[in-house]
C-alpha cells in the first residue's frame, strides 16, 4: 500500500499519541514518535503486544527504552477486558485458544495501515514484539504472514505449539523472518529450556534467529532493550550498505 504524505508546518514532537480505528469497534492504537521525527526518513515500525493482564498503555511505555530516536512504535489492546488491577489500572487479555486471532490479525493490519498513512514507515521493516502471552501472539501473527513482517521479537515468551495436526510454520516462507529471543535464565513461568527448544526449532528451519539470556526471572531486563535496538539497527545498516554498493555498481557500469 502506498504511503500517504503528511506535511506539518512543525514536525510532530516526540511523545505518546492515541488514535482509534473507527471501522473496528473503535479499537485504540497508541503511538510513540521518536525524537526529531523526520518525515522523509522511512522508519522501522515496532508493534508491541502486552502480556496477559497488561495493557496497551503499559507496554508502549517500554518504547523509549528500546530507542528514543530509531523507531516508530505502536501498541494494541487485548480485546478481553479483565477489570482494574491492584493499582486501579485497566487490564486486558488476548483471549485463550486462539479464539480471537482472526480479529487481532485484522486489528494489527489496520493499525499498521493507519500508521503508514500518517507517518513514514518502511514497508519491509515492520517488527512484531511481545512480552509473555504477547510474545506468543506476535509469533502466531508473524508465522502466519511472514511476507508482511520483517521479524518477531519474543521477550520471556514462547512459540505456539502445533494444533489439530497443523504445522507451526510454512516452509520455505518462514525463512523470510528474523527472530529475536530474549529470556530470563530463572524464569519460573516459561522455563529457559522452552526458549532453548524454540531456538533450536527455528535454527533448524533455517531462520535467522538470535537467542539472548538475561539474569532475571519473568521480568524484563534493561539489557533486552539495548540488544533489540542493536539487532534491528544492524539489519538497517546492512541494508543501507547493500543499497550503496548497488548504486556504486550501477554508476560504474554506466
C-alpha atoms as a PDB file:
ATOM      1  CA  UNK A   1       0.000   0.000   0.000  1.00  0.00           C
ATOM      2  CA  UNK A   2       1.476   3.435  -0.898  1.00  0.00           C
ATOM      3  CA  UNK A   3       2.259   5.774   1.951  1.00  0.00           C
ATOM      4  CA  UNK A   4       0.269   8.987   2.171  1.00  0.00           C
ATOM      5  CA  UNK A   5       2.460  12.043   2.620  1.00  0.00           C
ATOM      6  CA  UNK A   6       1.632  14.324   5.514  1.00  0.00           C
ATOM      7  CA  UNK A   7       3.225  17.750   5.773  1.00  0.00           C
ATOM      8  CA  UNK A   8       3.391  19.580   9.080  1.00  0.00           C
ATOM      9  CA  UNK A   9       4.379  23.261   9.481  1.00  0.00           C
ATOM     10  CA  UNK A  10       6.239  21.984  12.539  1.00  0.00           C
ATOM     11  CA  UNK A  11       7.179  18.275  12.751  1.00  0.00           C
ATOM     12  CA  UNK A  12       5.269  16.407  15.484  1.00  0.00           C
ATOM     13  CA  UNK A  13       7.027  16.252  18.820  1.00  0.00           C
ATOM     14  CA  UNK A  14       8.459  13.130  20.383  1.00  0.00           C
ATOM     15  CA  UNK A  15       5.932  11.516  22.618  1.00  0.00           C
ATOM     16  CA  UNK A  16       2.839   9.393  23.036  1.00  0.00           C
ATOM     17  CA  UNK A  17      -0.281   9.742  20.903  1.00  0.00           C
ATOM     18  CA  UNK A  18      -3.584   7.869  20.862  1.00  0.00           C
ATOM     19  CA  UNK A  19      -5.988   7.247  17.987  1.00  0.00           C
ATOM     20  CA  UNK A  20      -8.784   4.808  17.189  1.00  0.00           C
ATOM     21  CA  UNK A  21      -9.767   2.513  14.337  1.00  0.00           C
ATOM     22  CA  UNK A  22     -13.311   3.763  13.627  1.00  0.00           C
ATOM     23  CA  UNK A  23     -14.300   0.770  11.498  1.00  0.00           C
ATOM     24  CA  UNK A  24     -13.052  -1.798  14.026  1.00  0.00           C
ATOM     25  CA  UNK A  25     -15.100  -1.175  17.190  1.00  0.00           C
ATOM     26  CA  UNK A  26     -13.015   1.953  17.883  1.00  0.00           C
ATOM     27  CA  UNK A  27     -10.070  -0.183  18.978  1.00  0.00           C
ATOM     28  CA  UNK A  28      -7.245   2.059  20.220  1.00  0.00           C
ATOM     29  CA  UNK A  29      -3.868   2.483  18.567  1.00  0.00           C
ATOM     30  CA  UNK A  30      -1.249   4.028  20.808  1.00  0.00           C
ATOM     31  CA  UNK A  31       1.783   5.532  19.094  1.00  0.00           C
ATOM     32  CA  UNK A  32       5.247   6.572  20.207  1.00  0.00           C
ATOM     33  CA  UNK A  33       7.003   9.021  17.885  1.00  0.00           C
ATOM     34  CA  UNK A  34      10.801   9.271  18.138  1.00  0.00           C
ATOM     35  CA  UNK A  35      12.660  12.429  18.950  1.00  0.00           C
ATOM     36  CA  UNK A  36      13.468  14.556  15.909  1.00  0.00           C
ATOM     37  CA  UNK A  37      10.935  12.740  13.749  1.00  0.00           C
ATOM     38  CA  UNK A  38      11.951  13.219  10.112  1.00  0.00           C
ATOM     39  CA  UNK A  39       9.087  12.730   7.590  1.00  0.00           C
ATOM     40  CA  UNK A  40      11.495  11.922   4.747  1.00  0.00           C
ATOM     41  CA  UNK A  41      13.128   9.011   6.564  1.00  0.00           C
ATOM     42  CA  UNK A  42      11.456   5.560   6.342  1.00  0.00           C
ATOM     43  CA  UNK A  43      11.372   4.394   9.972  1.00  0.00           C
ATOM     44  CA  UNK A  44      11.207   0.825  11.182  1.00  0.00           C
ATOM     45  CA  UNK A  45       7.897   0.162  12.932  1.00  0.00           C
ATOM     46  CA  UNK A  46       7.701  -1.918  16.116  1.00  0.00           C
ATOM     47  CA  UNK A  47       4.241  -3.266  17.011  1.00  0.00           C
ATOM     48  CA  UNK A  48       4.045  -4.054  20.741  1.00  0.00           C
ATOM     49  CA  UNK A  49       1.793  -6.685  22.350  1.00  0.00           C
ATOM     50  CA  UNK A  50       1.308  -6.662  26.119  1.00  0.00           C
ATOM     51  CA  UNK A  51       1.191  -9.740  28.305  1.00  0.00           C
ATOM     52  CA  UNK A  52      -1.910 -11.164  29.964  1.00  0.00           C
ATOM     53  CA  UNK A  53      -3.367  -8.682  32.490  1.00  0.00           C
ATOM     54  CA  UNK A  54      -1.337  -5.905  30.874  1.00  0.00           C
ATOM     55  CA  UNK A  55      -2.409  -3.006  28.692  1.00  0.00           C
ATOM     56  CA  UNK A  56      -1.517  -1.133  25.543  1.00  0.00           C
ATOM     57  CA  UNK A  57      -0.590   1.961  27.545  1.00  0.00           C
ATOM     58  CA  UNK A  58       1.674  -0.030  29.840  1.00  0.00           C
ATOM     59  CA  UNK A  59       3.618  -1.781  27.081  1.00  0.00           C
ATOM     60  CA  UNK A  60       4.072   1.370  24.975  1.00  0.00           C
ATOM     61  CA  UNK A  61       5.952   2.956  27.879  1.00  0.00           C
ATOM     62  CA  UNK A  62       8.742   0.499  27.034  1.00  0.00           C
ATOM     63  CA  UNK A  63       9.275   2.057  23.582  1.00  0.00           C
ATOM     64  CA  UNK A  64      11.738   4.805  24.640  1.00  0.00           C
ATOM     65  CA  UNK A  65      13.793   2.153  26.438  1.00  0.00           C
ATOM     66  CA  UNK A  66      14.449   0.481  23.079  1.00  0.00           C
ATOM     67  CA  UNK A  67      15.400   3.805  21.478  1.00  0.00           C
ATOM     68  CA  UNK A  68      14.141   7.390  21.637  1.00  0.00           C
ATOM     69  CA  UNK A  69      15.294   8.044  18.086  1.00  0.00           C
ATOM     70  CA  UNK A  70      15.306   4.988  15.845  1.00  0.00           C
ATOM     71  CA  UNK A  71      11.710   3.713  15.650  1.00  0.00           C
ATOM     72  CA  UNK A  72       8.054   4.480  15.458  1.00  0.00           C
ATOM     73  CA  UNK A  73       6.254   2.177  17.887  1.00  0.00           C
ATOM     74  CA  UNK A  74       2.583   1.331  18.249  1.00  0.00           C
ATOM     75  CA  UNK A  75       0.805  -0.806  20.818  1.00  0.00           C
ATOM     76  CA  UNK A  76      -2.501  -2.664  20.610  1.00  0.00           C
ATOM     77  CA  UNK A  77      -5.001  -3.622  23.293  1.00  0.00           C
ATOM     78  CA  UNK A  78      -6.235  -7.118  24.039  1.00  0.00           C
ATOM     79  CA  UNK A  79      -9.971  -7.450  23.214  1.00  0.00           C
ATOM     80  CA  UNK A  80     -10.883  -9.013  26.589  1.00  0.00           C
ATOM     81  CA  UNK A  81     -11.293  -6.537  29.460  1.00  0.00           C
ATOM     82  CA  UNK A  82     -10.291  -8.018  32.823  1.00  0.00           C
ATOM     83  CA  UNK A  83     -11.100  -5.047  35.020  1.00  0.00           C
ATOM     84  CA  UNK A  84      -8.676  -2.993  37.113  1.00  0.00           C
ATOM     85  CA  UNK A  85      -5.560  -4.374  38.790  1.00  0.00           C
ATOM     86  CA  UNK A  86      -4.489  -3.678  42.382  1.00  0.00           C
ATOM     87  CA  UNK A  87      -3.307  -0.204  41.378  1.00  0.00           C
ATOM     88  CA  UNK A  88      -6.627   0.557  39.713  1.00  0.00           C
ATOM     89  CA  UNK A  89      -5.263   0.403  36.161  1.00  0.00           C
ATOM     90  CA  UNK A  90      -7.316  -1.389  33.478  1.00  0.00           C
ATOM     91  CA  UNK A  91      -6.087  -4.829  32.392  1.00  0.00           C
ATOM     92  CA  UNK A  92      -6.696  -6.776  29.209  1.00  0.00           C
ATOM     93  CA  UNK A  93      -6.179 -10.213  27.692  1.00  0.00           C
ATOM     94  CA  UNK A  94      -5.845 -11.567  24.163  1.00  0.00           C
ATOM     95  CA  UNK A  95      -8.162 -14.485  24.955  1.00  0.00           C
ATOM     96  CA  UNK A  96      -7.445 -18.199  25.015  1.00  0.00           C
ATOM     97  CA  UNK A  97      -7.013 -20.961  22.465  1.00  0.00           C
ATOM     98  CA  UNK A  98      -6.539 -18.518  19.584  1.00  0.00           C
ATOM     99  CA  UNK A  99     -10.223 -17.631  19.720  1.00  0.00           C
ATOM    100  CA  UNK A 100      -9.574 -14.004  18.806  1.00  0.00           C
ATOM    101  CA  UNK A 101      -6.644 -14.397  16.415  1.00  0.00           C
ATOM    102  CA  UNK A 102      -8.641 -13.527  13.271  1.00  0.00           C
ATOM    103  CA  UNK A 103      -9.882 -10.314  14.884  1.00  0.00           C
ATOM    104  CA  UNK A 104      -6.431  -9.444  16.239  1.00  0.00           C
ATOM    105  CA  UNK A 105      -4.818 -10.033  12.849  1.00  0.00           C
ATOM    106  CA  UNK A 106      -7.240  -7.596  11.226  1.00  0.00           C
ATOM    107  CA  UNK A 107      -6.680  -5.159  14.108  1.00  0.00           C
ATOM    108  CA  UNK A 108      -2.927  -5.310  13.624  1.00  0.00           C
ATOM    109  CA  UNK A 109      -3.071  -4.910   9.849  1.00  0.00           C
ATOM    110  CA  UNK A 110      -5.405  -1.921  10.064  1.00  0.00           C
ATOM    111  CA  UNK A 111      -3.313  -0.320  12.799  1.00  0.00           C
ATOM    112  CA  UNK A 112      -0.176  -0.644  10.653  1.00  0.00           C
ATOM    113  CA  UNK A 113      -2.060   0.691   7.623  1.00  0.00           C
ATOM    114  CA  UNK A 114      -3.290   3.707   9.579  1.00  0.00           C
ATOM    115  CA  UNK A 115       0.179   4.384  10.970  1.00  0.00           C
ATOM    116  CA  UNK A 116       1.670   4.258   7.478  1.00  0.00           C
ATOM    117  CA  UNK A 117      -0.894   6.789   6.270  1.00  0.00           C
ATOM    118  CA  UNK A 118       0.165   9.203   8.988  1.00  0.00           C
ATOM    119  CA  UNK A 119       3.913   8.612   9.267  1.00  0.00           C
ATOM    120  CA  UNK A 120       6.759   7.412   7.094  1.00  0.00           C
ATOM    121  CA  UNK A 121       7.185   3.698   7.822  1.00  0.00           C
ATOM    122  CA  UNK A 122       9.429   1.392   5.827  1.00  0.00           C
ATOM    123  CA  UNK A 123       7.157  -1.363   4.484  1.00  0.00           C
ATOM    124  CA  UNK A 124       9.878  -4.017   4.869  1.00  0.00           C
ATOM    125  CA  UNK A 125      10.903  -3.086   8.440  1.00  0.00           C
ATOM    126  CA  UNK A 126       7.807  -3.952  10.458  1.00  0.00           C
ATOM    127  CA  UNK A 127       8.584  -5.934  13.612  1.00  0.00           C
ATOM    128  CA  UNK A 128       6.136  -7.636  15.986  1.00  0.00           C
ATOM    129  CA  UNK A 129       7.289  -7.610  19.611  1.00  0.00           C
ATOM    130  CA  UNK A 130       5.603  -9.132  22.611  1.00  0.00           C
ATOM    131  CA  UNK A 131       6.086  -9.955  26.284  1.00  0.00           C
ATOM    132  CA  UNK A 132       4.966 -13.347  27.660  1.00  0.00           C
ATOM    133  CA  UNK A 133       1.482 -14.072  26.196  1.00  0.00           C
ATOM    134  CA  UNK A 134       2.001 -11.120  23.856  1.00  0.00           C
ATOM    135  CA  UNK A 135       5.135 -12.820  22.531  1.00  0.00           C
ATOM    136  CA  UNK A 136       3.189 -15.958  21.676  1.00  0.00           C
ATOM    137  CA  UNK A 137       0.671 -13.793  19.826  1.00  0.00           C
ATOM    138  CA  UNK A 138       3.450 -11.977  17.958  1.00  0.00           C
ATOM    139  CA  UNK A 139       4.793 -15.380  16.926  1.00  0.00           C
ATOM    140  CA  UNK A 140       1.392 -16.578  15.692  1.00  0.00           C
ATOM    141  CA  UNK A 141       0.837 -13.461  13.620  1.00  0.00           C
ATOM    142  CA  UNK A 142       4.383 -13.367  12.270  1.00  0.00           C
ATOM    143  CA  UNK A 143       4.448 -17.044  11.345  1.00  0.00           C
ATOM    144  CA  UNK A 144       1.071 -16.683   9.656  1.00  0.00           C
ATOM    145  CA  UNK A 145       2.175 -13.766   7.483  1.00  0.00           C
ATOM    146  CA  UNK A 146       5.972 -13.865   7.114  1.00  0.00           C
ATOM    147  CA  UNK A 147       5.708 -11.945   3.851  1.00  0.00           C
ATOM    148  CA  UNK A 148       4.217  -8.915   5.658  1.00  0.00           C
ATOM    149  CA  UNK A 149       6.596  -8.534   8.612  1.00  0.00           C
ATOM    150  CA  UNK A 150      10.373  -8.362   8.928  1.00  0.00           C
ATOM    151  CA  UNK A 151      10.685 -10.183  12.204  1.00  0.00           C
ATOM    152  CA  UNK A 152       9.388 -11.251  15.596  1.00  0.00           C
ATOM    153  CA  UNK A 153      10.751 -10.218  18.996  1.00  0.00           C
ATOM    154  CA  UNK A 154       9.873 -12.542  21.879  1.00  0.00           C
ATOM    155  CA  UNK A 155      10.606 -11.463  25.462  1.00  0.00           C
ATOM    156  CA  UNK A 156      10.022 -14.163  28.065  1.00  0.00           C
ATOM    157  CA  UNK A 157       7.581 -15.867  25.711  1.00  0.00           C
ATOM    158  CA  UNK A 158       7.390 -18.997  23.614  1.00  0.00           C
ATOM    159  CA  UNK A 159       6.327 -20.164  20.200  1.00  0.00           C
ATOM    160  CA  UNK A 160       2.857 -21.607  19.606  1.00  0.00           C
ATOM    161  CA  UNK A 161       2.622 -25.369  19.560  1.00  0.00           C
ATOM    162  CA  UNK A 162       1.046 -27.406  16.740  1.00  0.00           C
ATOM    163  CA  UNK A 163      -2.746 -27.760  16.876  1.00  0.00           C
ATOM    164  CA  UNK A 164      -5.016 -30.180  15.019  1.00  0.00           C
ATOM    165  CA  UNK A 165      -2.032 -31.605  13.210  1.00  0.00           C
ATOM    166  CA  UNK A 166      -1.230 -28.259  11.576  1.00  0.00           C
ATOM    167  CA  UNK A 167       2.456 -27.251  11.305  1.00  0.00           C
ATOM    168  CA  UNK A 168       3.740 -24.312  13.360  1.00  0.00           C
ATOM    169  CA  UNK A 169       5.126 -22.581  10.265  1.00  0.00           C
ATOM    170  CA  UNK A 170       5.262 -22.888   6.494  1.00  0.00           C
ATOM    171  CA  UNK A 171       8.360 -23.809   4.530  1.00  0.00           C
ATOM    172  CA  UNK A 172      10.126 -22.038   2.933  1.00  0.00           C
ATOM    173  CA  UNK A 173       8.209 -18.835   3.817  1.00  0.00           C
ATOM    174  CA  UNK A 174       9.351 -18.856   7.447  1.00  0.00           C
ATOM    175  CA  UNK A 175      12.931 -18.247   6.327  1.00  0.00           C
ATOM    176  CA  UNK A 176      11.919 -14.700   5.409  1.00  0.00           C
ATOM    177  CA  UNK A 177      11.506 -13.902   9.114  1.00  0.00           C
ATOM    178  CA  UNK A 178      14.144 -12.743  11.543  1.00  0.00           C
ATOM    179  CA  UNK A 179      13.580 -13.710  15.187  1.00  0.00           C
ATOM    180  CA  UNK A 180      14.968 -12.303  18.435  1.00  0.00           C
ATOM    181  CA  UNK A 181      14.519 -14.401  21.578  1.00  0.00           C
ATOM    182  CA  UNK A 182      15.210 -12.753  24.929  1.00  0.00           C
ATOM    183  CA  UNK A 183      14.664 -14.844  28.054  1.00  0.00           C
ATOM    184  CA  UNK A 184      15.301 -14.702  31.782  1.00  0.00           C
ATOM    185  CA  UNK A 185      17.539 -17.539  32.937  1.00  0.00           C
ATOM    186  CA  UNK A 186      15.479 -18.130  36.097  1.00  0.00           C
ATOM    187  CA  UNK A 187      12.040 -17.656  34.545  1.00  0.00           C
ATOM    188  CA  UNK A 188       9.560 -19.700  36.663  1.00  0.00           C
ATOM    189  CA  UNK A 189       6.617 -19.159  34.280  1.00  0.00           C
ATOM    190  CA  UNK A 190       8.182 -20.141  30.950  1.00  0.00           C
ATOM    191  CA  UNK A 191      11.324 -22.205  31.656  1.00  0.00           C
ATOM    192  CA  UNK A 192      14.560 -21.425  29.873  1.00  0.00           C
ATOM    193  CA  UNK A 193      14.514 -24.914  28.304  1.00  0.00           C
ATOM    194  CA  UNK A 194      11.316 -23.954  26.470  1.00  0.00           C
ATOM    195  CA  UNK A 195      13.047 -20.945  24.902  1.00  0.00           C
ATOM    196  CA  UNK A 196      16.045 -23.086  24.001  1.00  0.00           C
ATOM    197  CA  UNK A 197      13.724 -25.547  22.267  1.00  0.00           C
ATOM    198  CA  UNK A 198      12.202 -22.694  20.253  1.00  0.00           C
ATOM    199  CA  UNK A 199      15.666 -21.532  19.256  1.00  0.00           C
ATOM    200  CA  UNK A 200      16.716 -24.991  18.087  1.00  0.00           C
ATOM    201  CA  UNK A 201      13.491 -25.431  16.105  1.00  0.00           C
ATOM    202  CA  UNK A 202      13.857 -22.079  14.350  1.00  0.00           C
ATOM    203  CA  UNK A 203      17.577 -22.507  13.735  1.00  0.00           C
ATOM    204  CA  UNK A 204      16.992 -25.960  12.288  1.00  0.00           C
ATOM    205  CA  UNK A 205      14.370 -24.483   9.941  1.00  0.00           C
ATOM    206  CA  UNK A 206      16.926 -22.035   8.557  1.00  0.00           C
ATOM    207  CA  UNK A 207      15.519 -18.960  10.285  1.00  0.00           C
ATOM    208  CA  UNK A 208      17.820 -16.017  11.074  1.00  0.00           C
ATOM    209  CA  UNK A 209      17.374 -16.266  14.858  1.00  0.00           C
ATOM    210  CA  UNK A 210      19.280 -14.839  17.825  1.00  0.00           C
ATOM    211  CA  UNK A 211      18.906 -16.120  21.378  1.00  0.00           C
ATOM    212  CA  UNK A 212      19.904 -13.983  24.376  1.00  0.00           C
ATOM    213  CA  UNK A 213      19.604 -14.826  28.062  1.00  0.00           C
ATOM    214  CA  UNK A 214      19.480 -12.372  30.961  1.00  0.00           C
ATOM    215  CA  UNK A 215      19.969 -12.535  34.741  1.00  0.00           C
ATOM    216  CA  UNK A 216      16.292 -12.195  35.622  1.00  0.00           C
ATOM    217  CA  UNK A 217      13.110 -14.243  36.025  1.00  0.00           C
ATOM    218  CA  UNK A 218       9.851 -13.426  34.232  1.00  0.00           C
ATOM    219  CA  UNK A 219      10.671  -9.727  34.312  1.00  0.00           C
ATOM    220  CA  UNK A 220      12.075  -7.513  31.596  1.00  0.00           C
ATOM    221  CA  UNK A 221      15.785  -6.735  31.871  1.00  0.00           C
ATOM    222  CA  UNK A 222      17.237  -3.412  30.719  1.00  0.00           C
ATOM    223  CA  UNK A 223      19.796  -5.161  28.506  1.00  0.00           C
ATOM    224  CA  UNK A 224      16.937  -6.686  26.493  1.00  0.00           C
ATOM    225  CA  UNK A 225      16.081  -3.260  25.087  1.00  0.00           C
ATOM    226  CA  UNK A 226      19.694  -2.484  24.234  1.00  0.00           C
ATOM    227  CA  UNK A 227      20.042  -5.787  22.392  1.00  0.00           C
ATOM    228  CA  UNK A 228      16.764  -5.320  20.484  1.00  0.00           C
ATOM    229  CA  UNK A 229      17.947  -1.910  19.280  1.00  0.00           C
ATOM    230  CA  UNK A 230      21.273  -3.327  18.127  1.00  0.00           C
ATOM    231  CA  UNK A 231      19.583  -6.294  16.455  1.00  0.00           C
ATOM    232  CA  UNK A 232      17.199  -4.174  14.375  1.00  0.00           C
ATOM    233  CA  UNK A 233      19.685  -1.429  13.525  1.00  0.00           C
ATOM    234  CA  UNK A 234      22.357  -3.906  12.448  1.00  0.00           C
ATOM    235  CA  UNK A 235      19.949  -5.063   9.742  1.00  0.00           C
ATOM    236  CA  UNK A 236      19.065  -1.486   8.769  1.00  0.00           C
ATOM    237  CA  UNK A 237      22.743  -0.559   8.428  1.00  0.00           C
ATOM    238  CA  UNK A 238      23.410  -3.697   6.377  1.00  0.00           C
ATOM    239  CA  UNK A 239      20.577  -2.768   4.005  1.00  0.00           C
ATOM    240  CA  UNK A 240      21.947   0.755   3.614  1.00  0.00           C
ATOM    241  CA  UNK A 241      25.412  -0.609   2.857  1.00  0.00           C
ATOM    242  CA  UNK A 242      23.987  -3.060   0.314  1.00  0.00           C
ATOM    243  CA  UNK A 243      21.981  -0.259  -1.341  1.00  0.00           C
ATOM    244  CA  UNK A 244      25.064   1.943  -1.593  1.00  0.00           C
ATOM    245  CA  UNK A 245      27.052  -0.906  -3.148  1.00  0.00           C
ATOM    246  CA  UNK A 246      24.328  -1.429  -5.764  1.00  0.00           C
ATOM    247  CA  UNK A 247      24.259   2.274  -6.587  1.00  0.00           C
ATOM    248  CA  UNK A 248      28.060   2.359  -6.899  1.00  0.00           C
ATOM    249  CA  UNK A 249      27.939  -0.671  -9.170  1.00  0.00           C
ATOM    250  CA  UNK A 250      25.318   0.907 -11.378  1.00  0.00           C
ATOM    251  CA  UNK A 251      27.404   4.057 -11.621  1.00  0.00           C
ATOM    252  CA  UNK A 252      30.448   2.028 -12.657  1.00  0.00           C
ATOM    253  CA  UNK A 253      28.512   0.214 -15.371  1.00  0.00           C
ATOM    254  CA  UNK A 254      27.163   3.436 -16.823  1.00  0.00           C
END
